[in-house]
């Protein structure tokens, strides 16, 4: 990736942010079930508010910033990929199917030959 860091120092504040984000995720699930009597709107609102707060808190931590940078670098790398044309993709697919058919025939023929050698010639089980 383009922006790789050699060393990352995790501070107490970042660890606290991650711990609070984890507590908020657990709180979101608890809120969803506790607000069941209030109706589905309250349930989903409690869930989404707590999850949103957890995501925001995660994103402002150092780990969240590294995750965002990794995502940006990944998108940048995917843009560099030279994708095959439709014709090339169809040709490669045809080659794979042809190879599979040839290999299946080869394995079937090998199996039948070995069956004939062992059962008919050596053991004499089939008559």
C-alpha atoms as a PDB file:
ATOM      1  CA  UNK A   1       0.000   0.000   0.000  1.00  0.00           C
ATOM      2  CA  UNK A   2       1.109   3.564  -0.525  1.00  0.00           C
ATOM      3  CA  UNK A   3       0.883   4.847   3.036  1.00  0.00           C
ATOM      4  CA  UNK A   4       2.130   2.135   5.331  1.00  0.00           C
ATOM      5  CA  UNK A   5       3.272   3.025   8.812  1.00  0.00           C
ATOM      6  CA  UNK A   6       6.184   1.234  10.396  1.00  0.00           C
ATOM      7  CA  UNK A   7       5.125   1.579  14.011  1.00  0.00           C
ATOM      8  CA  UNK A   8       1.816   2.397  15.623  1.00  0.00           C
ATOM      9  CA  UNK A   9       1.612   3.526  19.210  1.00  0.00           C
ATOM     10  CA  UNK A  10      -1.740   2.868  20.828  1.00  0.00           C
ATOM     11  CA  UNK A  11      -2.465   5.335  23.570  1.00  0.00           C
ATOM     12  CA  UNK A  12      -4.691   4.909  26.590  1.00  0.00           C
ATOM     13  CA  UNK A  13      -7.196   7.306  25.016  1.00  0.00           C
ATOM     14  CA  UNK A  14      -7.449   5.143  21.878  1.00  0.00           C
ATOM     15  CA  UNK A  15      -7.928   2.010  23.950  1.00  0.00           C
ATOM     16  CA  UNK A  16     -10.631   3.795  25.938  1.00  0.00           C
ATOM     17  CA  UNK A  17     -12.377   4.877  22.724  1.00  0.00           C
ATOM     18  CA  UNK A  18     -12.359   1.301  21.443  1.00  0.00           C
ATOM     19  CA  UNK A  19     -13.639  -0.028  24.770  1.00  0.00           C
ATOM     20  CA  UNK A  20     -16.457   2.543  24.837  1.00  0.00           C
ATOM     21  CA  UNK A  21     -17.313   1.679  21.219  1.00  0.00           C
ATOM     22  CA  UNK A  22     -17.553  -1.990  22.175  1.00  0.00           C
ATOM     23  CA  UNK A  23     -19.782  -1.111  25.135  1.00  0.00           C
ATOM     24  CA  UNK A  24     -21.978   0.957  22.795  1.00  0.00           C
ATOM     25  CA  UNK A  25     -22.367  -2.009  20.440  1.00  0.00           C
ATOM     26  CA  UNK A  26     -23.420  -4.207  23.333  1.00  0.00           C
ATOM     27  CA  UNK A  27     -25.689  -1.395  24.522  1.00  0.00           C
ATOM     28  CA  UNK A  28     -27.275  -1.231  21.082  1.00  0.00           C
ATOM     29  CA  UNK A  29     -28.287  -4.881  21.260  1.00  0.00           C
ATOM     30  CA  UNK A  30     -29.523  -4.482  24.841  1.00  0.00           C
ATOM     31  CA  UNK A  31     -31.489  -1.343  23.876  1.00  0.00           C
ATOM     32  CA  UNK A  32     -33.089  -3.175  20.988  1.00  0.00           C
ATOM     33  CA  UNK A  33     -34.454  -5.877  23.271  1.00  0.00           C
ATOM     34  CA  UNK A  34     -35.364  -3.591  26.170  1.00  0.00           C
ATOM     35  CA  UNK A  35     -37.313  -1.246  23.914  1.00  0.00           C
ATOM     36  CA  UNK A  36     -39.393  -4.109  22.485  1.00  0.00           C
ATOM     37  CA  UNK A  37     -42.496  -2.974  24.372  1.00  0.00           C
ATOM     38  CA  UNK A  38     -42.151   0.582  23.038  1.00  0.00           C
ATOM     39  CA  UNK A  39     -42.661  -0.475  19.438  1.00  0.00           C
ATOM     40  CA  UNK A  40     -40.457  -1.186  16.457  1.00  0.00           C
ATOM     41  CA  UNK A  41     -39.633   2.477  15.785  1.00  0.00           C
ATOM     42  CA  UNK A  42     -38.176   2.933  19.276  1.00  0.00           C
ATOM     43  CA  UNK A  43     -36.365  -0.401  18.996  1.00  0.00           C
ATOM     44  CA  UNK A  44     -34.687   0.469  15.735  1.00  0.00           C
ATOM     45  CA  UNK A  45     -33.989   4.044  16.795  1.00  0.00           C
ATOM     46  CA  UNK A  46     -32.207   2.849  19.937  1.00  0.00           C
ATOM     47  CA  UNK A  47     -30.249   0.287  17.965  1.00  0.00           C
ATOM     48  CA  UNK A  48     -29.213   2.676  15.212  1.00  0.00           C
ATOM     49  CA  UNK A  49     -28.329   5.550  17.551  1.00  0.00           C
ATOM     50  CA  UNK A  50     -26.070   3.363  19.686  1.00  0.00           C
ATOM     51  CA  UNK A  51     -24.480   1.700  16.654  1.00  0.00           C
ATOM     52  CA  UNK A  52     -23.962   5.092  14.999  1.00  0.00           C
ATOM     53  CA  UNK A  53     -22.276   6.425  18.121  1.00  0.00           C
ATOM     54  CA  UNK A  54     -20.060   3.338  18.253  1.00  0.00           C
ATOM     55  CA  UNK A  55     -19.038   3.772  14.613  1.00  0.00           C
ATOM     56  CA  UNK A  56     -18.266   7.475  15.099  1.00  0.00           C
ATOM     57  CA  UNK A  57     -16.212   6.731  18.208  1.00  0.00           C
ATOM     58  CA  UNK A  58     -14.357   3.949  16.398  1.00  0.00           C
ATOM     59  CA  UNK A  59     -13.607   6.187  13.420  1.00  0.00           C
ATOM     60  CA  UNK A  60     -12.046   8.943  15.552  1.00  0.00           C
ATOM     61  CA  UNK A  61      -9.661   6.454  17.174  1.00  0.00           C
ATOM     62  CA  UNK A  62      -6.271   5.642  15.655  1.00  0.00           C
ATOM     63  CA  UNK A  63      -7.493   2.181  14.670  1.00  0.00           C
ATOM     64  CA  UNK A  64     -10.438   3.747  12.839  1.00  0.00           C
ATOM     65  CA  UNK A  65      -8.170   6.141  10.974  1.00  0.00           C
ATOM     66  CA  UNK A  66      -5.920   3.244   9.957  1.00  0.00           C
ATOM     67  CA  UNK A  67      -8.979   1.306   8.797  1.00  0.00           C
ATOM     68  CA  UNK A  68     -10.101   4.277   6.693  1.00  0.00           C
ATOM     69  CA  UNK A  69      -6.602   4.679   5.210  1.00  0.00           C
ATOM     70  CA  UNK A  70      -6.520   0.954   4.403  1.00  0.00           C
ATOM     71  CA  UNK A  71      -9.884   1.266   2.630  1.00  0.00           C
ATOM     72  CA  UNK A  72      -8.669   4.218   0.574  1.00  0.00           C
ATOM     73  CA  UNK A  73      -5.463   2.380  -0.356  1.00  0.00           C
ATOM     74  CA  UNK A  74      -7.471  -0.707  -1.337  1.00  0.00           C
ATOM     75  CA  UNK A  75      -9.738   1.312  -3.614  1.00  0.00           C
ATOM     76  CA  UNK A  76      -6.677   2.951  -5.181  1.00  0.00           C
ATOM     77  CA  UNK A  77      -5.125  -0.472  -5.854  1.00  0.00           C
ATOM     78  CA  UNK A  78      -8.336  -1.876  -7.363  1.00  0.00           C
ATOM     79  CA  UNK A  79      -8.403   1.053  -9.786  1.00  0.00           C
ATOM     80  CA  UNK A  80      -4.966  -0.022 -11.034  1.00  0.00           C
ATOM     81  CA  UNK A  81      -6.181  -3.504 -12.021  1.00  0.00           C
ATOM     82  CA  UNK A  82      -6.445  -4.141 -15.744  1.00  0.00           C
ATOM     83  CA  UNK A  83      -9.703  -6.024 -16.148  1.00  0.00           C
ATOM     84  CA  UNK A  84     -10.157  -8.396 -19.105  1.00  0.00           C
ATOM     85  CA  UNK A  85     -12.511  -7.534 -21.916  1.00  0.00           C
ATOM     86  CA  UNK A  86     -15.724  -9.490 -22.367  1.00  0.00           C
ATOM     87  CA  UNK A  87     -14.183 -11.450 -25.246  1.00  0.00           C
ATOM     88  CA  UNK A  88     -11.124 -12.405 -23.189  1.00  0.00           C
ATOM     89  CA  UNK A  89     -13.287 -13.444 -20.240  1.00  0.00           C
ATOM     90  CA  UNK A  90     -15.484 -15.618 -22.463  1.00  0.00           C
ATOM     91  CA  UNK A  91     -12.422 -17.246 -24.063  1.00  0.00           C
ATOM     92  CA  UNK A  92     -10.841 -18.036 -20.701  1.00  0.00           C
ATOM     93  CA  UNK A  93     -14.146 -19.459 -19.447  1.00  0.00           C
ATOM     94  CA  UNK A  94     -14.359 -21.673 -22.533  1.00  0.00           C
ATOM     95  CA  UNK A  95     -10.779 -22.872 -21.952  1.00  0.00           C
ATOM     96  CA  UNK A  96     -11.614 -23.773 -18.358  1.00  0.00           C
ATOM     97  CA  UNK A  97     -14.751 -25.686 -19.365  1.00  0.00           C
ATOM     98  CA  UNK A  98     -12.848 -27.539 -22.103  1.00  0.00           C
ATOM     99  CA  UNK A  99     -10.097 -28.474 -19.655  1.00  0.00           C
ATOM    100  CA  UNK A 100     -12.654 -29.724 -17.132  1.00  0.00           C
ATOM    101  CA  UNK A 101     -14.350 -31.914 -19.757  1.00  0.00           C
ATOM    102  CA  UNK A 102     -11.024 -33.323 -20.971  1.00  0.00           C
ATOM    103  CA  UNK A 103      -9.875 -33.984 -17.414  1.00  0.00           C
ATOM    104  CA  UNK A 104     -13.182 -35.664 -16.540  1.00  0.00           C
ATOM    105  CA  UNK A 105     -12.880 -37.951 -19.570  1.00  0.00           C
ATOM    106  CA  UNK A 106      -9.265 -38.760 -18.704  1.00  0.00           C
ATOM    107  CA  UNK A 107     -10.132 -39.635 -15.096  1.00  0.00           C
ATOM    108  CA  UNK A 108     -13.135 -41.722 -16.190  1.00  0.00           C
ATOM    109  CA  UNK A 109     -11.000 -43.600 -18.693  1.00  0.00           C
ATOM    110  CA  UNK A 110      -8.263 -44.169 -16.098  1.00  0.00           C
ATOM    111  CA  UNK A 111     -10.815 -45.412 -13.570  1.00  0.00           C
ATOM    112  CA  UNK A 112     -12.390 -47.846 -16.035  1.00  0.00           C
ATOM    113  CA  UNK A 113      -8.974 -49.105 -17.166  1.00  0.00           C
ATOM    114  CA  UNK A 114      -7.848 -49.751 -13.603  1.00  0.00           C
ATOM    115  CA  UNK A 115     -11.186 -51.402 -12.816  1.00  0.00           C
ATOM    116  CA  UNK A 116     -10.778 -53.718 -15.795  1.00  0.00           C
ATOM    117  CA  UNK A 117      -7.148 -54.549 -14.905  1.00  0.00           C
ATOM    118  CA  UNK A 118      -7.777 -55.274 -11.228  1.00  0.00           C
ATOM    119  CA  UNK A 119     -11.225 -56.842 -11.248  1.00  0.00           C
ATOM    120  CA  UNK A 120     -11.214 -58.708 -14.560  1.00  0.00           C
ATOM    121  CA  UNK A 121      -7.596 -59.639 -15.186  1.00  0.00           C
ATOM    122  CA  UNK A 122      -6.026 -59.957 -11.735  1.00  0.00           C
ATOM    123  CA  UNK A 123      -8.887 -60.915  -9.390  1.00  0.00           C
ATOM    124  CA  UNK A 124     -11.313 -62.393 -11.896  1.00  0.00           C
ATOM    125  CA  UNK A 125     -14.362 -61.089  -9.982  1.00  0.00           C
ATOM    126  CA  UNK A 126     -16.341 -59.937 -13.016  1.00  0.00           C
ATOM    127  CA  UNK A 127     -17.381 -62.566 -15.523  1.00  0.00           C
END
